[in-house]
């Protein structure tokens, strides 16, 4: 039986991984809209477990900017 063509590994999509990323992105958006900063930080750490300190600070600053924008400040 001939082998079937598969896309290169970097272009393959794992349905479970895609679902997890989508759910985590929704949690991030929810945390920005309704959650606290700590909930947002926890969601970021789940979304990107290997996040570095400086990158996490940048995420927090984006969170704060988004909250200010929502409040109209």
PDB file of N, CA and C in Angstrom:
ATOM      1  N   UNK A   1       0.838  -1.167   0.000  1.00  0.00           N
ATOM      2  CA  UNK A   1       0.000   0.000   0.000  1.00  0.00           C
ATOM      3  C   UNK A   1       0.898   1.250   0.000  1.00  0.00           C
ATOM      4  N   UNK A   2       0.664   2.184  -0.896  1.00  0.00           N
ATOM      5  CA  UNK A   2       1.512   3.380  -0.962  1.00  0.00           C
ATOM      6  C   UNK A   2       1.268   4.299   0.240  1.00  0.00           C
ATOM      7  N   UNK A   3       2.328   4.964   0.618  1.00  0.00           N
ATOM      8  CA  UNK A   3       2.214   5.890   1.744  1.00  0.00           C
ATOM      9  C   UNK A   3       1.487   7.154   1.318  1.00  0.00           C
ATOM     10  N   UNK A   4       0.750   7.718   2.236  1.00  0.00           N
ATOM     11  CA  UNK A   4       0.011   8.941   1.945  1.00  0.00           C
ATOM     12  C   UNK A   4       0.875  10.149   2.249  1.00  0.00           C
ATOM     13  N   UNK A   5       0.652  11.207   1.521  1.00  0.00           N
ATOM     14  CA  UNK A   5       1.394  12.439   1.727  1.00  0.00           C
ATOM     15  C   UNK A   5       0.926  13.114   3.009  1.00  0.00           C
ATOM     16  N   UNK A   6       1.868  13.619   3.796  1.00  0.00           N
ATOM     17  CA  UNK A   6       1.565  14.388   4.997  1.00  0.00           C
ATOM     18  C   UNK A   6       2.281  15.727   4.883  1.00  0.00           C
ATOM     19  N   UNK A   7       1.651  16.782   5.391  1.00  0.00           N
ATOM     20  CA  UNK A   7       2.352  18.072   5.381  1.00  0.00           C
ATOM     21  C   UNK A   7       3.547  18.017   6.318  1.00  0.00           C
ATOM     22  N   UNK A   8       4.514  18.875   6.114  1.00  0.00           N
ATOM     23  CA  UNK A   8       5.673  18.908   7.018  1.00  0.00           C
ATOM     24  C   UNK A   8       5.211  19.129   8.466  1.00  0.00           C
ATOM     25  N   UNK A   9       5.994  18.656   9.428  1.00  0.00           N
ATOM     26  CA  UNK A   9       5.597  18.724  10.838  1.00  0.00           C
ATOM     27  C   UNK A   9       5.250  20.131  11.282  1.00  0.00           C
ATOM     28  N   UNK A  10       5.985  21.120  10.822  1.00  0.00           N
ATOM     29  CA  UNK A  10       5.711  22.479  11.279  1.00  0.00           C
ATOM     30  C   UNK A  10       4.373  23.003  10.776  1.00  0.00           C
ATOM     31  N   UNK A  11       3.777  22.352   9.784  1.00  0.00           N
ATOM     32  CA  UNK A  11       2.490  22.788   9.244  1.00  0.00           C
ATOM     33  C   UNK A  11       1.329  21.908   9.685  1.00  0.00           C
ATOM     34  N   UNK A  12       1.607  20.849  10.425  1.00  0.00           N
ATOM     35  CA  UNK A  12       0.533  19.979  10.901  1.00  0.00           C
ATOM     36  C   UNK A  12      -0.190  20.631  12.062  1.00  0.00           C
ATOM     37  N   UNK A  13      -1.459  20.336  12.172  1.00  0.00           N
ATOM     38  CA  UNK A  13      -2.220  20.860  13.294  1.00  0.00           C
ATOM     39  C   UNK A  13      -2.780  19.704  14.104  1.00  0.00           C
ATOM     40  N   UNK A  14      -2.602  19.798  15.383  1.00  0.00           N
ATOM     41  CA  UNK A  14      -3.155  18.834  16.306  1.00  0.00           C
ATOM     42  C   UNK A  14      -4.451  19.447  16.831  1.00  0.00           C
ATOM     43  N   UNK A  15      -5.567  18.793  16.607  1.00  0.00           N
ATOM     44  CA  UNK A  15      -6.865  19.357  16.971  1.00  0.00           C
ATOM     45  C   UNK A  15      -6.947  19.665  18.464  1.00  0.00           C
ATOM     46  N   UNK A  16      -6.393  18.812  19.291  1.00  0.00           N
ATOM     47  CA  UNK A  16      -6.429  19.041  20.737  1.00  0.00           C
ATOM     48  C   UNK A  16      -5.598  20.275  21.117  1.00  0.00           C
ATOM     49  N   UNK A  17      -4.443  20.426  20.512  1.00  0.00           N
ATOM     50  CA  UNK A  17      -3.600  21.582  20.801  1.00  0.00           C
ATOM     51  C   UNK A  17      -4.278  22.874  20.352  1.00  0.00           C
ATOM     52  N   UNK A  18      -4.924  22.842  19.210  1.00  0.00           N
ATOM     53  CA  UNK A  18      -5.635  24.017  18.708  1.00  0.00           C
ATOM     54  C   UNK A  18      -6.780  24.381  19.658  1.00  0.00           C
ATOM     55  N   UNK A  19      -7.496  23.376  20.135  1.00  0.00           N
ATOM     56  CA  UNK A  19      -8.602  23.608  21.057  1.00  0.00           C
ATOM     57  C   UNK A  19      -8.094  24.224  22.367  1.00  0.00           C
ATOM     58  N   UNK A  20      -6.984  23.686  22.885  1.00  0.00           N
ATOM     59  CA  UNK A  20      -6.422  24.211  24.131  1.00  0.00           C
ATOM     60  C   UNK A  20      -5.983  25.662  23.962  1.00  0.00           C
ATOM     61  N   UNK A  21      -5.319  25.964  22.865  1.00  0.00           N
ATOM     62  CA  UNK A  21      -4.873  27.344  22.617  1.00  0.00           C
ATOM     63  C   UNK A  21      -6.067  28.293  22.530  1.00  0.00           C
ATOM     64  N   UNK A  22      -7.140  27.847  21.860  1.00  0.00           N
ATOM     65  CA  UNK A  22      -8.331  28.688  21.718  1.00  0.00           C
ATOM     66  C   UNK A  22      -8.964  28.936  23.085  1.00  0.00           C
ATOM     67  N   UNK A  23      -9.061  27.879  23.910  1.00  0.00           N
ATOM     68  CA  UNK A  23      -9.647  28.032  25.241  1.00  0.00           C
ATOM     69  C   UNK A  23      -8.812  28.971  26.109  1.00  0.00           C
ATOM     70  N   UNK A  24      -7.491  28.836  26.043  1.00  0.00           N
ATOM     71  CA  UNK A  24      -6.633  29.705  26.836  1.00  0.00           C
ATOM     72  C   UNK A  24      -6.719  31.148  26.361  1.00  0.00           C
ATOM     73  N   UNK A  25      -6.830  31.348  25.047  1.00  0.00           N
ATOM     74  CA  UNK A  25      -6.986  32.706  24.524  1.00  0.00           C
ATOM     75  C   UNK A  25      -8.305  33.311  25.006  1.00  0.00           C
ATOM     76  N   UNK A  26      -9.351  32.493  25.084  1.00  0.00           N
ATOM     77  CA  UNK A  26     -10.634  32.970  25.592  1.00  0.00           C
ATOM     78  C   UNK A  26     -10.517  33.327  27.076  1.00  0.00           C
ATOM     79  N   UNK A  27      -9.751  32.529  27.837  1.00  0.00           N
ATOM     80  CA  UNK A  27      -9.546  32.834  29.251  1.00  0.00           C
ATOM     81  C   UNK A  27      -8.795  34.152  29.417  1.00  0.00           C
ATOM     82  N   UNK A  28      -7.815  34.389  28.548  1.00  0.00           N
ATOM     83  CA  UNK A  28      -7.082  35.653  28.609  1.00  0.00           C
ATOM     84  C   UNK A  28      -8.022  36.829  28.350  1.00  0.00           C
ATOM     85  N   UNK A  29      -8.858  36.691  27.330  1.00  0.00           N
ATOM     86  CA  UNK A  29      -9.793  37.766  27.002  1.00  0.00           C
ATOM     87  C   UNK A  29     -10.787  37.980  28.144  1.00  0.00           C
ATOM     88  N   UNK A  30     -11.260  36.892  28.748  1.00  0.00           N
ATOM     89  CA  UNK A  30     -12.186  36.994  29.870  1.00  0.00           C
ATOM     90  C   UNK A  30     -11.514  37.669  31.055  1.00  0.00           C
ATOM     91  N   UNK A  31     -10.256  37.321  31.321  1.00  0.00           N
ATOM     92  CA  UNK A  31      -9.525  37.917  32.443  1.00  0.00           C
ATOM     93  C   UNK A  31      -9.344  39.420  32.232  1.00  0.00           C
ATOM     94  N   UNK A  32      -9.110  39.829  31.005  1.00  0.00           N
ATOM     95  CA  UNK A  32      -8.975  41.262  30.720  1.00  0.00           C
ATOM     96  C   UNK A  32     -10.308  41.959  30.949  1.00  0.00           C
ATOM     97  N   UNK A  33     -11.378  41.322  30.534  1.00  0.00           N
ATOM     98  CA  UNK A  33     -12.703  41.936  30.635  1.00  0.00           C
ATOM     99  C   UNK A  33     -13.226  41.959  32.069  1.00  0.00           C
ATOM    100  N   UNK A  34     -13.131  40.822  32.773  1.00  0.00           N
ATOM    101  CA  UNK A  34     -13.801  40.714  34.066  1.00  0.00           C
ATOM    102  C   UNK A  34     -12.891  40.319  35.234  1.00  0.00           C
ATOM    103  N   UNK A  35     -11.714  39.798  34.964  1.00  0.00           N
ATOM    104  CA  UNK A  35     -10.893  39.231  36.017  1.00  0.00           C
ATOM    105  C   UNK A  35      -9.941  40.214  36.667  1.00  0.00           C
ATOM    106  N   UNK A  36      -9.176  39.658  37.590  1.00  0.00           N
ATOM    107  CA  UNK A  36      -8.164  40.443  38.280  1.00  0.00           C
ATOM    108  C   UNK A  36      -6.824  40.248  37.586  1.00  0.00           C
ATOM    109  N   UNK A  37      -5.858  41.030  38.007  1.00  0.00           N
ATOM    110  CA  UNK A  37      -4.521  40.920  37.422  1.00  0.00           C
ATOM    111  C   UNK A  37      -3.916  39.545  37.710  1.00  0.00           C
ATOM    112  N   UNK A  38      -4.153  39.015  38.899  1.00  0.00           N
ATOM    113  CA  UNK A  38      -3.602  37.704  39.251  1.00  0.00           C
ATOM    114  C   UNK A  38      -4.215  36.606  38.379  1.00  0.00           C
ATOM    115  N   UNK A  39      -5.505  36.676  38.111  1.00  0.00           N
ATOM    116  CA  UNK A  39      -6.144  35.697  37.229  1.00  0.00           C
ATOM    117  C   UNK A  39      -5.544  35.777  35.824  1.00  0.00           C
ATOM    118  N   UNK A  40      -5.275  37.003  35.384  1.00  0.00           N
ATOM    119  CA  UNK A  40      -4.664  37.192  34.076  1.00  0.00           C
ATOM    120  C   UNK A  40      -3.266  36.590  34.031  1.00  0.00           C
ATOM    121  N   UNK A  41      -2.477  36.821  35.074  1.00  0.00           N
ATOM    122  CA  UNK A  41      -1.112  36.280  35.134  1.00  0.00           C
ATOM    123  C   UNK A  41      -1.158  34.750  35.121  1.00  0.00           C
ATOM    124  N   UNK A  42      -2.081  34.168  35.879  1.00  0.00           N
ATOM    125  CA  UNK A  42      -2.228  32.708  35.879  1.00  0.00           C
ATOM    126  C   UNK A  42      -2.591  32.186  34.494  1.00  0.00           C
ATOM    127  N   UNK A  43      -3.484  32.897  33.802  1.00  0.00           N
ATOM    128  CA  UNK A  43      -3.878  32.485  32.455  1.00  0.00           C
ATOM    129  C   UNK A  43      -2.704  32.595  31.481  1.00  0.00           C
ATOM    130  N   UNK A  44      -1.906  33.646  31.612  1.00  0.00           N
ATOM    131  CA  UNK A  44      -0.733  33.808  30.743  1.00  0.00           C
ATOM    132  C   UNK A  44       0.251  32.671  30.977  1.00  0.00           C
ATOM    133  N   UNK A  45       0.463  32.314  32.242  1.00  0.00           N
ATOM    134  CA  UNK A  45       1.398  31.236  32.563  1.00  0.00           C
ATOM    135  C   UNK A  45       0.908  29.895  32.031  1.00  0.00           C
ATOM    136  N   UNK A  46      -0.407  29.681  31.985  1.00  0.00           N
ATOM    137  CA  UNK A  46      -0.940  28.457  31.389  1.00  0.00           C
ATOM    138  C   UNK A  46      -0.820  28.507  29.869  1.00  0.00           C
ATOM    139  N   UNK A  47      -1.053  29.694  29.302  1.00  0.00           N
ATOM    140  CA  UNK A  47      -0.977  29.874  27.855  1.00  0.00           C
ATOM    141  C   UNK A  47       0.444  29.698  27.349  1.00  0.00           C
ATOM    142  N   UNK A  48       1.393  30.221  28.110  1.00  0.00           N
ATOM    143  CA  UNK A  48       2.802  30.152  27.719  1.00  0.00           C
ATOM    144  C   UNK A  48       3.631  29.809  28.952  1.00  0.00           C
ATOM    145  N   UNK A  49       3.778  28.517  29.264  1.00  0.00           N
ATOM    146  CA  UNK A  49       4.448  28.098  30.502  1.00  0.00           C
ATOM    147  C   UNK A  49       5.901  28.560  30.615  1.00  0.00           C
ATOM    148  N   UNK A  50       6.583  28.745  29.510  1.00  0.00           N
ATOM    149  CA  UNK A  50       7.995  29.126  29.562  1.00  0.00           C
ATOM    150  C   UNK A  50       8.204  30.640  29.433  1.00  0.00           C
ATOM    151  N   UNK A  51       7.210  31.415  29.856  1.00  0.00           N
ATOM    152  CA  UNK A  51       7.294  32.871  29.760  1.00  0.00           C
ATOM    153  C   UNK A  51       8.392  33.379  30.692  1.00  0.00           C
ATOM    154  N   UNK A  52       9.180  34.321  30.180  1.00  0.00           N
ATOM    155  CA  UNK A  52      10.267  34.898  30.964  1.00  0.00           C
ATOM    156  C   UNK A  52       9.757  36.110  31.738  1.00  0.00           C
ATOM    157  N   UNK A  53      10.525  36.515  32.729  1.00  0.00           N
ATOM    158  CA  UNK A  53      10.120  37.596  33.625  1.00  0.00           C
ATOM    159  C   UNK A  53       9.813  38.887  32.866  1.00  0.00           C
ATOM    160  N   UNK A  54      10.699  39.275  31.970  1.00  0.00           N
ATOM    161  CA  UNK A  54      10.507  40.526  31.223  1.00  0.00           C
ATOM    162  C   UNK A  54       9.283  40.431  30.305  1.00  0.00           C
ATOM    163  N   UNK A  55       9.086  39.282  29.690  1.00  0.00           N
ATOM    164  CA  UNK A  55       7.934  39.103  28.811  1.00  0.00           C
ATOM    165  C   UNK A  55       6.636  39.144  29.622  1.00  0.00           C
ATOM    166  N   UNK A  56       6.655  38.546  30.816  1.00  0.00           N
ATOM    167  CA  UNK A  56       5.482  38.574  31.679  1.00  0.00           C
ATOM    168  C   UNK A  56       5.154  40.009  32.088  1.00  0.00           C
ATOM    169  N   UNK A  57       6.182  40.802  32.346  1.00  0.00           N
ATOM    170  CA  UNK A  57       5.953  42.212  32.669  1.00  0.00           C
ATOM    171  C   UNK A  57       5.278  42.926  31.508  1.00  0.00           C
ATOM    172  N   UNK A  58       5.703  42.609  30.292  1.00  0.00           N
ATOM    173  CA  UNK A  58       5.094  43.218  29.108  1.00  0.00           C
ATOM    174  C   UNK A  58       3.617  42.814  28.997  1.00  0.00           C
ATOM    175  N   UNK A  59       3.313  41.546  29.267  1.00  0.00           N
ATOM    176  CA  UNK A  59       1.917  41.070  29.247  1.00  0.00           C
ATOM    177  C   UNK A  59       1.092  41.839  30.283  1.00  0.00           C
ATOM    178  N   UNK A  60       1.651  42.022  31.474  1.00  0.00           N
ATOM    179  CA  UNK A  60       0.935  42.723  32.547  1.00  0.00           C
ATOM    180  C   UNK A  60       0.680  44.173  32.149  1.00  0.00           C
ATOM    181  N   UNK A  61       1.665  44.793  31.527  1.00  0.00           N
ATOM    182  CA  UNK A  61       1.475  46.180  31.090  1.00  0.00           C
ATOM    183  C   UNK A  61       0.373  46.269  30.028  1.00  0.00           C
ATOM    184  N   UNK A  62       0.318  45.294  29.127  1.00  0.00           N
ATOM    185  CA  UNK A  62      -0.762  45.261  28.131  1.00  0.00           C
ATOM    186  C   UNK A  62      -2.116  45.076  28.814  1.00  0.00           C
ATOM    187  N   UNK A  63      -2.153  44.228  29.841  1.00  0.00           N
ATOM    188  CA  UNK A  63      -3.382  44.018  30.607  1.00  0.00           C
ATOM    189  C   UNK A  63      -3.846  45.331  31.235  1.00  0.00           C
ATOM    190  N   UNK A  64      -2.924  46.026  31.861  1.00  0.00           N
ATOM    191  CA  UNK A  64      -3.270  47.290  32.509  1.00  0.00           C
ATOM    192  C   UNK A  64      -3.736  48.329  31.502  1.00  0.00           C
ATOM    193  N   UNK A  65      -3.080  48.389  30.345  1.00  0.00           N
ATOM    194  CA  UNK A  65      -3.498  49.315  29.294  1.00  0.00           C
ATOM    195  C   UNK A  65      -4.897  48.984  28.800  1.00  0.00           C
ATOM    196  N   UNK A  66      -5.179  47.690  28.615  1.00  0.00           N
ATOM    197  CA  UNK A  66      -6.504  47.273  28.149  1.00  0.00           C
ATOM    198  C   UNK A  66      -7.570  47.625  29.178  1.00  0.00           C
ATOM    199  N   UNK A  67      -7.252  47.441  30.466  1.00  0.00           N
ATOM    200  CA  UNK A  67      -8.217  47.786  31.523  1.00  0.00           C
ATOM    201  C   UNK A  67      -8.485  49.283  31.545  1.00  0.00           C
ATOM    202  N   UNK A  68      -7.420  50.087  31.399  1.00  0.00           N
ATOM    203  CA  UNK A  68      -7.593  51.545  31.366  1.00  0.00           C
ATOM    204  C   UNK A  68      -8.452  51.952  30.170  1.00  0.00           C
ATOM    205  N   UNK A  69      -8.216  51.328  29.042  1.00  0.00           N
ATOM    206  CA  UNK A  69      -8.975  51.651  27.845  1.00  0.00           C
ATOM    207  C   UNK A  69     -10.456  51.303  28.030  1.00  0.00           C
ATOM    208  N   UNK A  70     -10.728  50.161  28.668  1.00  0.00           N
ATOM    209  CA  UNK A  70     -12.109  49.746  28.923  1.00  0.00           C
ATOM    210  C   UNK A  70     -12.814  50.735  29.840  1.00  0.00           C
ATOM    211  N   UNK A  71     -12.088  51.273  30.796  1.00  0.00           N
ATOM    212  CA  UNK A  71     -12.671  52.224  31.744  1.00  0.00           C
ATOM    213  C   UNK A  71     -12.768  53.628  31.167  1.00  0.00           C
ATOM    214  N   UNK A  72     -12.097  53.862  30.058  1.00  0.00           N
ATOM    215  CA  UNK A  72     -12.140  55.172  29.420  1.00  0.00           C
ATOM    216  C   UNK A  72     -11.205  56.178  30.055  1.00  0.00           C
ATOM    217  N   UNK A  73     -10.121  55.690  30.628  1.00  0.00           N
ATOM    218  CA  UNK A  73      -9.162  56.602  31.269  1.00  0.00           C
ATOM    219  C   UNK A  73      -8.063  57.003  30.334  1.00  0.00           C
TER     220      UNK A  73
END
